[in-house]
Amino acid sequence: FAEWLETKNAITLRDRDYAARVDLIAKVHGIDAAESYLKRIPPPMQNEVLYRTLLANSVYINSVKKSEQLFNLMRDKGFPLTAFSCNQLLLLYKRHDKKKLADVLLMMEKENVKPTLFTYKTLIDAKGQTRDYEGMEQVVENMKSEGILPDLRVQSIIARYYVSGKSTEKAEAILKEMEGESLKANRAACKELLPIYASLGKIDDVNRVWKLCEPSPRIEECIAVIEAWGKLGQIKHAEEVFDKMAKRGAKLPQRFYTSLLKVYAAHKQLAKGKDLVKRMLDDGCFIGPLTWDAIVKLYVQSGEVEKADSVLHKAVQQSRLKPLYSSYMTIMEKYSEKGDIHSAEKIFDRVRQAGYSGKRLLYQRLLHAYLKAKTPAYGIRERLKADNVFPDRTMAHLLSQVDWFKKSMVSELLE
């Protein structure tokens, strides 16, 4: 349709229209195709909006090299530095190289680019991932000093990290803030509160929040409470919520089915999971990467990693969609634990073919496979160098352990 509008000159296209087309092409055909299209757009329209759209898609697929190239190209073209573009770099480095976060912040400060709520959310998440809770709290204080208050999503991120860090009192204080004086008046918080209360094991609070939503539940609240009941081991309650919504007759989104599928996966309910997938097909539900990911976890958690591998491979062959990175990593982790080098290498290649560039974690999983198999990883340092992957402390330790097998084999030959 977009192509027809453009070729027929049906409307006068503005930069936002071209940006939407760039975004669509990037998601369907890939970054290279989108960049090729962008170059054919009339030069007056090739502005910062179009390039930042391309940048966002590059960050989305975790392509560090391409994202940095695009960002530098935008700078070379003289486009103004925006919070949006800087936030994309922060998002990229949060995932791949946290040491570079400070460089982006320094650049923003030098060029007077004010941090946004998204900036602070990304930094809070980065601090939480490394369990730097004091640093996370400092980011929150800096945000408030700039007059930016954390929204419900940011509060939920903070609360989740407090839960994982066993800071129960701090987590409960955040949850109280989220509820406000009246949860009924602040119902938007419910979908965030339910899974966090479940993580704390607070079944009474899950019941209390759900009773407020239950008379007229929203789909996001249902998904949240299904997740919550799953965490608490209350599978029957999760199924009751699912069945109640299903009986309404309205077509339900993929993520609704997937929420229950994840519960079955977590509790190794393979038979129920298979029945749910069949039901999705019968209901005409779209089965895409999110569902594939849940199915992979269902089989892996049930001890059937080879079946998970086979199902994902068949799904990719029958669809133009790309699996989630986490789907590949779930399978590869199990192969690594088993010391199945051949299968780990196979998944390694498939991840690369899919265009994902989370190379460091990928190599770590691969090295674990060689380590478990007690087998030398010949040529691994050359592969790392070719991929511009520089070992951090964790990877250096793995490499030294794998190298020991090589030395051991040589020693045996000399005896």
Protein backbone atom coordinates (compact mmCIF):
# COMPACT_ATOMS: atom_id res chain seq x y z
CA PHE A 1 0.00 0.00 0.00
CA ALA A 2 2.81 2.39 0.93
CA GLU A 3 4.55 1.64 -2.36
CA TRP A 4 1.32 2.30 -4.31
CA LEU A 5 0.83 5.66 -2.57
CA GLU A 6 4.36 6.69 -3.46
CA THR A 7 4.40 5.52 -7.09
CA LYS A 8 0.95 6.98 -7.87
CA ASN A 9 1.66 10.29 -6.15
CA ALA A 10 -1.68 9.79 -4.41
CA ILE A 11 -0.65 12.13 -1.60
CA THR A 12 2.12 14.58 -0.91
CA LEU A 13 4.59 12.67 1.21
CA ARG A 14 6.25 14.37 4.17
CA ASP A 15 9.34 13.30 6.10
CA ARG A 16 7.20 11.42 8.64
CA ASP A 17 5.60 9.43 5.81
CA TYR A 18 9.00 8.46 4.42
CA ALA A 19 10.16 7.61 7.96
CA ALA A 20 7.20 5.26 8.36
CA ARG A 21 8.17 3.54 5.10
CA VAL A 22 11.81 3.24 6.23
CA ASP A 23 10.61 1.70 9.48
CA LEU A 24 8.36 -0.78 7.67
CA ILE A 25 11.07 -1.87 5.20
CA ALA A 26 13.62 -2.27 8.03
CA LYS A 27 11.27 -4.53 9.99
CA VAL A 28 10.20 -6.64 7.00
CA HIS A 29 13.27 -6.73 4.74
CA GLY A 30 16.12 -5.67 7.01
CA ILE A 31 18.37 -2.68 7.65
CA ASP A 32 20.29 -2.86 4.37
CA ALA A 33 17.08 -2.73 2.31
CA ALA A 34 15.79 0.20 4.37
CA GLU A 35 19.06 2.09 3.95
CA SER A 36 18.98 1.46 0.21
CA TYR A 37 15.44 2.86 0.05
CA LEU A 38 16.41 5.90 2.14
CA LYS A 39 19.09 6.81 -0.41
CA ARG A 40 16.39 6.97 -3.13
CA ILE A 41 14.25 9.45 -1.18
CA PRO A 42 14.43 13.04 -2.46
CA PRO A 43 17.47 14.69 -0.80
CA PRO A 44 15.43 17.50 0.85
CA MET A 45 13.53 14.82 2.77
CA GLN A 46 16.62 12.91 3.91
CA ASN A 47 16.67 14.52 7.34
CA GLU A 48 17.39 13.53 10.93
CA VAL A 49 13.96 11.91 11.40
CA LEU A 50 14.64 9.35 8.65
CA TYR A 51 18.13 8.50 9.83
CA ARG A 52 17.12 8.17 13.46
CA THR A 53 14.36 5.78 12.36
CA LEU A 54 17.01 3.66 10.68
CA LEU A 55 19.19 3.97 13.79
CA ALA A 56 16.38 2.78 16.06
CA ASN A 57 15.85 -0.30 13.90
CA SER A 58 19.56 -1.06 13.91
CA VAL A 59 19.61 -0.85 17.70
CA TYR A 60 16.52 -3.05 17.84
CA ILE A 61 18.36 -5.89 16.10
CA ASN A 62 21.40 -5.31 18.34
CA SER A 63 23.77 -4.43 15.50
CA VAL A 64 26.47 -2.49 17.32
CA LYS A 65 28.66 -1.85 14.28
CA LYS A 66 25.80 -0.67 12.05
CA SER A 67 24.30 1.49 14.79
CA GLU A 68 27.60 3.24 15.42
CA GLN A 69 28.11 3.76 11.69
CA LEU A 70 24.66 5.33 11.34
CA PHE A 71 25.16 7.57 14.37
CA ASN A 72 28.52 8.79 13.04
CA LEU A 73 26.98 9.34 9.60
CA MET A 74 24.27 11.51 11.16
CA ARG A 75 26.99 13.55 12.86
CA ASP A 76 28.94 13.88 9.60
CA LYS A 77 25.80 15.13 7.86
CA GLY A 78 25.50 17.88 10.44
CA PHE A 79 22.19 16.77 11.89
CA PRO A 80 21.48 18.22 15.34
CA LEU A 81 22.23 15.88 18.23
CA THR A 82 18.91 14.83 19.76
CA ALA A 83 17.93 13.05 22.95
CA PHE A 84 16.26 10.37 20.83
CA SER A 85 19.48 9.40 19.03
CA CYS A 86 21.52 9.52 22.23
CA ASN A 87 18.92 7.36 23.96
CA GLN A 88 19.27 4.79 21.20
CA LEU A 89 23.02 4.61 21.81
CA LEU A 90 22.42 4.29 25.55
CA LEU A 91 20.01 1.45 24.90
CA LEU A 92 22.57 -0.24 22.66
CA TYR A 93 25.44 0.07 25.13
CA LYS A 94 23.26 -0.98 28.06
CA ARG A 95 22.99 -4.34 26.29
CA HIS A 96 26.49 -4.66 24.86
CA ASP A 97 29.08 -2.38 26.43
CA LYS A 98 28.10 -0.55 29.61
CA LYS A 99 31.51 1.15 29.81
CA LYS A 100 30.48 3.35 26.87
CA LEU A 101 27.39 4.71 28.65
CA ALA A 102 29.52 7.38 30.33
CA ASP A 103 30.87 8.53 26.94
CA VAL A 104 27.34 9.10 25.63
CA LEU A 105 26.32 11.01 28.77
CA LEU A 106 29.44 13.19 28.51
CA MET A 107 28.62 13.94 24.86
CA MET A 108 25.06 14.91 25.84
CA GLU A 109 26.37 17.22 28.56
CA LYS A 110 28.89 18.90 26.23
CA GLU A 111 26.25 19.55 23.58
CA ASN A 112 23.56 20.57 26.06
CA VAL A 113 21.21 17.69 25.22
CA LYS A 114 18.87 17.30 28.19
CA PRO A 115 18.22 13.76 29.46
CA THR A 116 14.64 12.54 29.13
CA LEU A 117 12.62 10.07 31.17
CA PHE A 118 13.74 7.37 28.73
CA THR A 119 17.39 8.33 29.37
CA TYR A 120 16.98 7.84 33.09
CA LYS A 121 14.97 4.64 32.66
CA THR A 122 17.79 3.15 30.57
CA LEU A 123 20.44 4.16 33.13
CA ILE A 124 18.39 2.80 36.03
CA ASP A 125 18.01 -0.48 34.16
CA ALA A 126 21.75 -0.61 33.44
CA LYS A 127 22.61 -0.04 37.11
CA GLY A 128 20.10 -2.67 38.19
CA GLN A 129 21.51 -5.24 35.77
CA THR A 130 24.93 -4.93 37.41
CA ARG A 131 23.36 -4.94 40.92
CA ASP A 132 24.68 -1.44 41.55
CA TYR A 133 21.73 -0.46 43.70
CA GLU A 134 23.43 2.61 45.17
CA GLY A 135 24.18 3.80 41.64
CA MET A 136 20.57 3.12 40.66
CA GLU A 137 19.35 5.24 43.58
CA GLN A 138 21.74 8.03 42.58
CA VAL A 139 20.29 8.05 39.05
CA VAL A 140 16.81 8.36 40.56
CA GLU A 141 17.94 11.31 42.69
CA ASN A 142 19.53 13.01 39.66
CA MET A 143 16.32 12.51 37.71
CA LYS A 144 14.20 14.08 40.44
CA SER A 145 16.62 16.99 40.77
CA GLU A 146 16.01 17.71 37.07
CA GLY A 147 12.27 17.84 37.74
CA ILE A 148 11.53 14.48 36.11
CA LEU A 149 9.48 12.10 38.23
CA PRO A 150 9.57 8.33 37.68
CA ASP A 151 6.44 7.00 36.00
CA LEU A 152 4.82 3.67 36.84
CA ARG A 153 7.08 1.78 34.43
CA VAL A 154 10.25 3.22 35.95
CA GLN A 155 8.95 2.55 39.46
CA SER A 156 8.22 -1.05 38.54
CA ILE A 157 11.77 -1.49 37.17
CA ILE A 158 13.23 -0.14 40.42
CA ALA A 159 10.94 -2.37 42.52
CA ARG A 160 11.87 -5.48 40.51
CA TYR A 161 15.58 -4.85 41.07
CA TYR A 162 15.01 -4.35 44.78
CA VAL A 163 13.17 -7.70 44.82
CA SER A 164 16.03 -9.46 43.01
CA GLY A 165 18.49 -7.78 45.38
CA LYS A 166 16.54 -9.01 48.44
CA SER A 167 15.80 -5.42 49.51
CA THR A 168 12.22 -6.28 50.42
CA GLU A 169 11.51 -3.16 52.48
CA LYS A 170 12.66 -0.85 49.69
CA ALA A 171 10.61 -2.81 47.15
CA GLU A 172 7.49 -2.56 49.34
CA ALA A 173 8.03 1.20 49.75
CA ILE A 174 8.07 1.63 45.95
CA LEU A 175 4.96 -0.52 45.58
CA LYS A 176 3.17 1.64 48.14
CA GLU A 177 4.11 4.73 46.14
CA MET A 178 2.77 3.08 42.99
CA GLU A 179 -0.56 2.31 44.63
CA GLY A 180 -0.98 5.91 45.79
CA GLU A 181 -3.75 6.96 48.15
CA SER A 182 -6.37 5.03 46.18
CA LEU A 183 -5.57 2.07 43.98
CA LYS A 184 -9.05 2.34 42.50
CA ALA A 185 -8.21 5.84 41.28
CA ASN A 186 -4.77 4.66 40.17
CA ARG A 187 -5.83 1.46 38.41
CA ALA A 188 -3.12 1.78 35.75
CA ALA A 189 -0.69 0.56 38.41
CA CYS A 190 -2.40 -2.82 38.79
CA LYS A 191 -0.73 -4.53 35.84
CA GLU A 192 2.68 -3.54 37.19
CA LEU A 193 1.91 -4.44 40.82
CA LEU A 194 0.55 -7.96 40.31
CA PRO A 195 3.74 -9.76 39.14
CA ILE A 196 5.94 -7.87 41.62
CA TYR A 197 3.77 -8.79 44.59
CA ALA A 198 3.93 -12.37 43.31
CA SER A 199 7.75 -12.21 43.20
CA LEU A 200 7.64 -11.23 46.87
CA GLY A 201 5.37 -14.20 47.58
CA LYS A 202 2.56 -11.91 48.72
CA ILE A 203 -0.47 -13.92 47.65
CA ASP A 204 -2.85 -11.77 49.74
CA ASP A 205 -1.76 -8.61 47.92
CA VAL A 206 -2.13 -10.34 44.54
CA ASN A 207 -5.67 -11.32 45.57
CA ARG A 208 -6.40 -7.78 46.79
CA VAL A 209 -5.22 -6.09 43.59
CA TRP A 210 -6.92 -8.65 41.35
CA LYS A 211 -10.28 -8.27 43.13
CA LEU A 212 -10.25 -4.62 42.08
CA CYS A 213 -9.71 -5.59 38.44
CA GLU A 214 -11.74 -8.82 38.26
CA PRO A 215 -15.25 -7.36 37.72
CA SER A 216 -14.14 -5.70 34.45
CA PRO A 217 -10.64 -6.94 33.68
CA ARG A 218 -8.47 -5.39 31.00
CA ILE A 219 -6.36 -7.65 28.82
CA GLU A 220 -3.04 -6.35 30.23
CA GLU A 221 -4.29 -6.93 33.78
CA CYS A 222 -5.27 -10.50 32.88
CA ILE A 223 -1.84 -11.16 31.40
CA ALA A 224 -0.21 -9.71 34.53
CA VAL A 225 -2.28 -11.81 36.95
CA ILE A 226 -1.71 -14.99 34.91
CA GLU A 227 2.02 -14.30 35.27
CA ALA A 228 1.54 -13.61 38.98
CA TRP A 229 -0.42 -16.82 39.65
CA GLY A 230 2.23 -18.71 37.70
CA LYS A 231 5.00 -17.35 39.93
CA LEU A 232 3.02 -18.39 42.99
CA GLY A 233 2.44 -21.87 41.62
CA GLN A 234 -1.32 -21.27 41.39
CA ILE A 235 -1.80 -22.79 37.94
CA LYS A 236 -5.51 -23.40 38.46
CA HIS A 237 -6.10 -19.71 39.20
CA ALA A 238 -4.14 -18.74 36.08
CA GLU A 239 -6.29 -21.09 33.99
CA GLU A 240 -9.49 -19.66 35.49
CA VAL A 241 -8.50 -16.14 34.43
CA PHE A 242 -7.65 -17.40 30.95
CA ASP A 243 -10.95 -19.31 30.56
CA LYS A 244 -13.02 -16.39 31.81
CA MET A 245 -11.58 -14.07 29.18
CA ALA A 246 -11.80 -16.73 26.46
CA LYS A 247 -15.53 -17.19 27.12
CA ARG A 248 -16.18 -13.56 26.25
CA GLY A 249 -15.96 -14.52 22.59
CA ALA A 250 -13.70 -11.67 21.53
CA LYS A 251 -10.53 -12.53 19.61
CA LEU A 252 -7.65 -12.57 22.04
CA PRO A 253 -4.09 -11.42 21.19
CA GLN A 254 -1.13 -13.75 20.88
CA ARG A 255 0.48 -12.46 24.07
CA PHE A 256 -2.58 -13.54 26.10
CA TYR A 257 -2.15 -17.19 25.10
CA THR A 258 1.61 -16.88 25.49
CA SER A 259 1.26 -15.71 29.11
CA LEU A 260 -0.38 -19.02 30.08
CA LEU A 261 2.04 -20.96 27.89
CA LYS A 262 4.92 -19.46 29.89
CA VAL A 263 3.27 -20.63 33.11
CA TYR A 264 3.06 -24.16 31.75
CA ALA A 265 6.71 -23.96 30.67
CA ALA A 266 7.87 -22.77 34.11
CA HIS A 267 6.07 -25.69 35.77
CA LYS A 268 7.01 -28.32 33.15
CA GLN A 269 3.37 -28.89 32.14
CA LEU A 270 4.25 -30.15 28.66
CA ALA A 271 0.91 -31.83 27.85
CA LYS A 272 -1.10 -28.75 28.83
CA GLY A 273 1.27 -26.55 26.84
CA LYS A 274 0.78 -28.66 23.71
CA ASP A 275 -3.01 -28.53 24.13
CA LEU A 276 -2.85 -24.74 24.46
CA VAL A 277 -0.85 -24.42 21.22
CA LYS A 278 -3.47 -26.57 19.45
CA ARG A 279 -6.16 -24.31 20.86
CA MET A 280 -4.34 -21.27 19.51
CA LEU A 281 -4.38 -22.82 16.05
CA ASP A 282 -8.08 -23.71 16.36
CA ASP A 283 -8.88 -20.16 17.48
CA GLY A 284 -7.06 -18.72 14.48
CA CYS A 285 -4.49 -17.04 16.68
CA PHE A 286 -1.33 -15.70 15.09
CA ILE A 287 1.65 -17.81 16.12
CA GLY A 288 4.85 -15.81 15.82
CA PRO A 289 8.19 -15.29 17.57
CA LEU A 290 6.67 -14.64 21.02
CA THR A 291 4.80 -17.94 20.92
CA TRP A 292 7.82 -19.74 19.46
CA ASP A 293 9.84 -18.46 22.40
CA ALA A 294 7.30 -19.82 24.89
CA ILE A 295 7.17 -23.18 23.07
CA VAL A 296 10.98 -23.40 23.12
CA LYS A 297 10.99 -22.78 26.88
CA LEU A 298 8.17 -25.31 27.31
CA TYR A 299 10.20 -28.10 25.69
CA VAL A 300 13.53 -27.06 27.23
CA GLN A 301 12.08 -26.88 30.75
CA SER A 302 10.62 -30.35 30.17
CA GLY A 303 14.05 -31.70 29.25
CA GLU A 304 13.47 -31.90 25.49
CA VAL A 305 16.03 -29.46 24.08
CA GLU A 306 16.33 -31.35 20.77
CA LYS A 307 12.56 -31.02 20.25
CA ALA A 308 12.75 -27.31 21.06
CA ASP A 309 15.54 -26.96 18.49
CA SER A 310 13.53 -28.86 15.85
CA VAL A 311 10.32 -26.87 16.43
CA LEU A 312 12.10 -23.52 16.20
CA HIS A 313 13.97 -24.54 13.03
CA LYS A 314 10.74 -25.68 11.34
CA ALA A 315 8.99 -22.44 12.35
CA VAL A 316 11.78 -20.39 10.76
CA GLN A 317 11.67 -22.44 7.56
CA GLN A 318 7.90 -21.98 7.25
CA SER A 319 7.85 -18.27 8.08
CA ARG A 320 9.69 -15.11 7.06
CA LEU A 321 9.73 -13.99 10.69
CA LYS A 322 12.86 -14.01 12.80
CA PRO A 323 12.93 -15.83 16.16
CA LEU A 324 13.74 -13.92 19.31
CA TYR A 325 17.39 -13.86 20.34
CA SER A 326 16.34 -15.37 23.68
CA SER A 327 14.89 -18.42 21.92
CA TYR A 328 18.26 -19.28 20.43
CA MET A 329 20.04 -18.57 23.71
CA THR A 330 17.68 -20.82 25.70
CA ILE A 331 18.50 -23.74 23.39
CA MET A 332 22.20 -22.98 23.21
CA GLU A 333 22.48 -22.74 26.99
CA LYS A 334 21.14 -26.28 27.35
CA TYR A 335 23.45 -27.64 24.66
CA SER A 336 26.34 -25.94 26.46
CA GLU A 337 25.35 -27.50 29.77
CA LYS A 338 25.38 -30.91 28.07
CA GLY A 339 28.75 -30.30 26.41
CA ASP A 340 27.15 -30.85 23.00
CA ILE A 341 29.67 -28.92 20.91
CA HIS A 342 28.19 -29.86 17.52
CA SER A 343 24.71 -28.61 18.42
CA ALA A 344 26.06 -25.49 20.14
CA GLU A 345 28.05 -24.60 17.01
CA LYS A 346 24.92 -25.18 14.91
CA ILE A 347 22.89 -22.72 17.02
CA PHE A 348 25.85 -20.31 16.94
CA ASP A 349 25.66 -20.30 13.13
CA ARG A 350 21.87 -19.87 13.09
CA VAL A 351 22.08 -16.86 15.40
CA ARG A 352 24.62 -15.28 13.05
CA GLN A 353 22.47 -16.08 10.01
CA ALA A 354 19.49 -14.44 11.71
CA GLY A 355 21.46 -11.19 11.87
CA TYR A 356 21.84 -10.94 15.62
CA SER A 357 25.07 -9.48 16.86
CA GLY A 358 25.12 -10.27 20.58
CA LYS A 359 28.49 -11.87 19.96
CA ARG A 360 30.00 -11.79 23.44
CA LEU A 361 27.24 -13.84 25.10
CA LEU A 362 27.16 -16.12 22.07
CA TYR A 363 30.87 -16.90 22.38
CA GLN A 364 30.55 -17.38 26.13
CA ARG A 365 27.83 -20.00 25.61
CA LEU A 366 30.02 -21.70 23.00
CA LEU A 367 33.06 -21.75 25.28
CA HIS A 368 30.94 -23.28 28.04
CA ALA A 369 30.09 -26.13 25.66
CA TYR A 370 33.78 -26.81 24.96
CA LEU A 371 34.56 -26.55 28.68
CA LYS A 372 31.80 -29.00 29.62
CA ALA A 373 33.00 -31.41 26.92
CA LYS A 374 36.60 -30.99 28.16
CA THR A 375 37.66 -30.32 24.58
CA PRO A 376 40.10 -27.68 23.23
CA ALA A 377 38.43 -24.91 21.22
CA TYR A 378 40.95 -24.73 18.39
CA GLY A 379 40.94 -21.43 16.51
CA ILE A 380 38.57 -19.71 18.96
CA ARG A 381 40.89 -16.75 19.56
CA GLU A 382 41.17 -16.17 15.81
CA ARG A 383 37.37 -16.30 15.51
CA LEU A 384 37.00 -13.74 18.30
CA LYS A 385 39.53 -11.45 16.63
CA ALA A 386 37.79 -11.75 13.25
CA ASP A 387 34.49 -10.77 14.91
CA ASN A 388 36.08 -7.85 16.80
CA VAL A 389 35.11 -9.42 20.12
CA PHE A 390 37.57 -8.53 22.84
CA PRO A 391 37.48 -10.86 25.87
CA ASP A 392 36.28 -9.37 29.15
CA ARG A 393 37.25 -10.89 32.50
CA THR A 394 34.61 -13.64 32.30
CA MET A 395 35.55 -14.66 28.77
CA ALA A 396 39.28 -14.50 29.51
CA HIS A 397 38.74 -16.96 32.35
CA LEU A 398 36.81 -19.31 30.06
CA LEU A 399 39.53 -19.10 27.42
CA SER A 400 42.23 -19.97 29.94
CA GLN A 401 40.21 -23.00 31.09
CA VAL A 402 39.66 -24.21 27.53
CA ASP A 403 43.36 -23.65 26.71
CA TRP A 404 44.26 -25.97 29.59
CA PHE A 405 42.67 -28.90 27.71
CA LYS A 406 44.93 -28.15 24.74
CA LYS A 407 48.02 -28.18 26.96
CA SER A 408 46.82 -31.34 28.70
CA MET A 409 46.44 -33.17 25.38
CA VAL A 410 49.95 -32.15 24.32
CA SER A 411 51.33 -33.35 27.64
CA GLU A 412 49.67 -36.74 27.19
CA LEU A 413 51.24 -37.11 23.75
CA LEU A 414 54.69 -36.43 25.19
CA GLU A 415 54.39 -38.98 28.01
